[in-house]
Amino acid sequence: MQFFVIGQPWYLISATLSKVSICLFFMSFLRRARQWRILLAGLITIMTIITLAFALAVYLQCRPLEKVWNPSIAGGCSDPSIQMNFGYTQGGMSTPSML
């Protein structure tokens, strides 16, 4: 559980970085098509913000983070629906950008 919680945001960050690199690759070909470059830049911005927000939601869900995999430790956790909603948003954002 410990490695799953710690590794989950890193997987999403790496997937987002690969999508950003693909968008930047397409932007290099679309030098004259300004509308497409703006659209791709907006997509990059939205993907980056959602991924960073999801990573923060995972890492800040419990204080201390160790409480996620060891419930006997003193501390508190946020409502699990917050992380679930971020997960839905991340999944919804990932699907259109993969098409």
C-alpha atoms as a PDB file:
ATOM      1  CA  MET A   1       0.000   0.000   0.000  1.00  0.00           C
ATOM      2  CA  GLN A   2       2.851   2.349   0.835  1.00  0.00           C
ATOM      3  CA  PHE A   3       4.479   2.091  -2.583  1.00  0.00           C
ATOM      4  CA  PHE A   4       1.106   2.306  -4.335  1.00  0.00           C
ATOM      5  CA  VAL A   5       0.242   5.589  -2.612  1.00  0.00           C
ATOM      6  CA  ILE A   6       3.692   7.078  -3.151  1.00  0.00           C
ATOM      7  CA  GLY A   7       4.038   5.842  -6.753  1.00  0.00           C
ATOM      8  CA  GLN A   8       0.578   6.707  -8.069  1.00  0.00           C
ATOM      9  CA  PRO A   9       1.240  10.439  -8.618  1.00  0.00           C
ATOM     10  CA  TRP A  10       4.598   9.689 -10.273  1.00  0.00           C
ATOM     11  CA  TYR A  11       2.862   7.437 -12.808  1.00  0.00           C
ATOM     12  CA  LEU A  12       0.370  10.192 -13.636  1.00  0.00           C
ATOM     13  CA  ILE A  13       3.107  12.820 -13.858  1.00  0.00           C
ATOM     14  CA  SER A  14       5.107  10.651 -16.266  1.00  0.00           C
ATOM     15  CA  ALA A  15       2.022   9.993 -18.413  1.00  0.00           C
ATOM     16  CA  THR A  16       1.255  13.721 -18.490  1.00  0.00           C
ATOM     17  CA  LEU A  17       4.836  14.567 -19.447  1.00  0.00           C
ATOM     18  CA  SER A  18       4.655  12.143 -22.374  1.00  0.00           C
ATOM     19  CA  LYS A  19       1.422  13.815 -23.555  1.00  0.00           C
ATOM     20  CA  VAL A  20       3.004  17.252 -23.168  1.00  0.00           C
ATOM     21  CA  SER A  21       5.993  16.162 -25.268  1.00  0.00           C
ATOM     22  CA  ILE A  22       3.657  14.902 -27.996  1.00  0.00           C
ATOM     23  CA  CYS A  23       1.755  18.217 -27.946  1.00  0.00           C
ATOM     24  CA  LEU A  24       5.031  20.143 -28.176  1.00  0.00           C
ATOM     25  CA  PHE A  25       6.082  17.954 -31.101  1.00  0.00           C
ATOM     26  CA  PHE A  26       2.863  18.806 -32.937  1.00  0.00           C
ATOM     27  CA  MET A  27       3.250  22.482 -32.058  1.00  0.00           C
ATOM     28  CA  SER A  28       6.640  22.501 -33.773  1.00  0.00           C
ATOM     29  CA  PHE A  29       4.973  21.425 -37.034  1.00  0.00           C
ATOM     30  CA  LEU A  30       2.112  23.898 -36.719  1.00  0.00           C
ATOM     31  CA  ARG A  31       4.102  27.107 -36.811  1.00  0.00           C
ATOM     32  CA  ARG A  32       1.628  28.861 -39.117  1.00  0.00           C
ATOM     33  CA  ALA A  33      -1.612  27.469 -37.671  1.00  0.00           C
ATOM     34  CA  ARG A  34      -1.954  29.720 -34.659  1.00  0.00           C
ATOM     35  CA  GLN A  35      -5.382  28.378 -33.616  1.00  0.00           C
ATOM     36  CA  TRP A  36      -4.015  24.843 -33.246  1.00  0.00           C
ATOM     37  CA  ARG A  37      -0.976  26.053 -31.327  1.00  0.00           C
ATOM     38  CA  ILE A  38      -3.244  27.921 -28.881  1.00  0.00           C
ATOM     39  CA  LEU A  39      -5.453  24.851 -28.505  1.00  0.00           C
ATOM     40  CA  LEU A  40      -2.458  22.601 -27.805  1.00  0.00           C
ATOM     41  CA  ALA A  41      -0.988  25.122 -25.349  1.00  0.00           C
ATOM     42  CA  GLY A  42      -4.314  25.228 -23.515  1.00  0.00           C
ATOM     43  CA  LEU A  43      -4.431  21.436 -23.409  1.00  0.00           C
ATOM     44  CA  ILE A  44      -0.902  21.338 -21.997  1.00  0.00           C
ATOM     45  CA  THR A  45      -1.830  23.869 -19.323  1.00  0.00           C
ATOM     46  CA  ILE A  46      -5.007  22.075 -18.278  1.00  0.00           C
ATOM     47  CA  MET A  47      -3.327  18.648 -18.152  1.00  0.00           C
ATOM     48  CA  THR A  48      -0.454  20.012 -16.080  1.00  0.00           C
ATOM     49  CA  ILE A  49      -2.694  21.796 -13.573  1.00  0.00           C
ATOM     50  CA  ILE A  50      -4.966  18.773 -13.082  1.00  0.00           C
ATOM     51  CA  THR A  51      -2.029  16.399 -12.677  1.00  0.00           C
ATOM     52  CA  LEU A  52      -0.293  18.617 -10.127  1.00  0.00           C
ATOM     53  CA  ALA A  53      -3.548  19.076  -8.214  1.00  0.00           C
ATOM     54  CA  PHE A  54      -4.055  15.301  -8.169  1.00  0.00           C
ATOM     55  CA  ALA A  55      -0.500  14.722  -6.914  1.00  0.00           C
ATOM     56  CA  LEU A  56      -1.044  17.252  -4.136  1.00  0.00           C
ATOM     57  CA  ALA A  57      -4.391  15.665  -3.236  1.00  0.00           C
ATOM     58  CA  VAL A  58      -2.735  12.254  -2.908  1.00  0.00           C
ATOM     59  CA  TYR A  59       0.238  13.472  -0.906  1.00  0.00           C
ATOM     60  CA  LEU A  60      -1.792  15.763   1.341  1.00  0.00           C
ATOM     61  CA  GLN A  61      -4.734  13.433   1.948  1.00  0.00           C
ATOM     62  CA  CYS A  62      -3.381  12.393   5.362  1.00  0.00           C
ATOM     63  CA  ARG A  63      -1.116  14.180   7.774  1.00  0.00           C
ATOM     64  CA  PRO A  64       1.274  12.415   8.247  1.00  0.00           C
ATOM     65  CA  LEU A  65       1.161  10.539   4.919  1.00  0.00           C
ATOM     66  CA  GLU A  66       2.147   7.312   6.678  1.00  0.00           C
ATOM     67  CA  LYS A  67      -1.365   7.200   8.185  1.00  0.00           C
ATOM     68  CA  VAL A  68      -2.683   6.018   4.795  1.00  0.00           C
ATOM     69  CA  TRP A  69      -1.014   2.618   5.146  1.00  0.00           C
ATOM     70  CA  ASN A  70      -0.735   2.536   8.949  1.00  0.00           C
ATOM     71  CA  PRO A  71      -4.080   3.583  10.519  1.00  0.00           C
ATOM     72  CA  SER A  72      -2.769   3.209  14.086  1.00  0.00           C
ATOM     73  CA  ILE A  73      -0.650   6.370  13.744  1.00  0.00           C
ATOM     74  CA  ALA A  74      -2.055   9.567  15.216  1.00  0.00           C
ATOM     75  CA  GLY A  75      -3.168  12.106  12.636  1.00  0.00           C
ATOM     76  CA  GLY A  76      -6.051  12.924  10.360  1.00  0.00           C
ATOM     77  CA  CYS A  77      -7.155  12.283   6.798  1.00  0.00           C
ATOM     78  CA  SER A  78      -9.323  14.248   4.404  1.00  0.00           C
ATOM     79  CA  ASP A  79     -12.562  12.977   2.954  1.00  0.00           C
ATOM     80  CA  PRO A  80     -11.835  10.100   0.490  1.00  0.00           C
ATOM     81  CA  SER A  81     -14.297  11.565  -2.019  1.00  0.00           C
ATOM     82  CA  ILE A  82     -11.826  14.411  -2.693  1.00  0.00           C
ATOM     83  CA  GLN A  83      -9.227  12.031  -4.104  1.00  0.00           C
ATOM     84  CA  MET A  84     -11.944  10.086  -5.933  1.00  0.00           C
ATOM     85  CA  ASN A  85     -13.198  13.252  -7.661  1.00  0.00           C
ATOM     86  CA  PHE A  86      -9.651  14.209  -8.641  1.00  0.00           C
ATOM     87  CA  GLY A  87      -9.237  10.692 -10.057  1.00  0.00           C
ATOM     88  CA  TYR A  88     -12.384  11.089 -12.162  1.00  0.00           C
ATOM     89  CA  THR A  89     -11.177  14.471 -13.414  1.00  0.00           C
ATOM     90  CA  GLN A  90      -7.743  13.061 -14.256  1.00  0.00           C
ATOM     91  CA  GLY A  91      -9.307  10.112 -16.091  1.00  0.00           C
ATOM     92  CA  GLY A  92     -11.707  12.358 -17.962  1.00  0.00           C
ATOM     93  CA  MET A  93      -8.859  14.599 -19.041  1.00  0.00           C
ATOM     94  CA  SER A  94      -6.682  11.665 -20.078  1.00  0.00           C
ATOM     95  CA  THR A  95      -9.262  10.092 -22.354  1.00  0.00           C
ATOM     96  CA  PRO A  96      -9.794  12.961 -24.863  1.00  0.00           C
ATOM     97  CA  SER A  97      -6.095  13.741 -25.063  1.00  0.00           C
ATOM     98  CA  MET A  98      -5.334  10.140 -26.038  1.00  0.00           C
ATOM     99  CA  LEU A  99      -7.764  10.195 -28.997  1.00  0.00           C
END
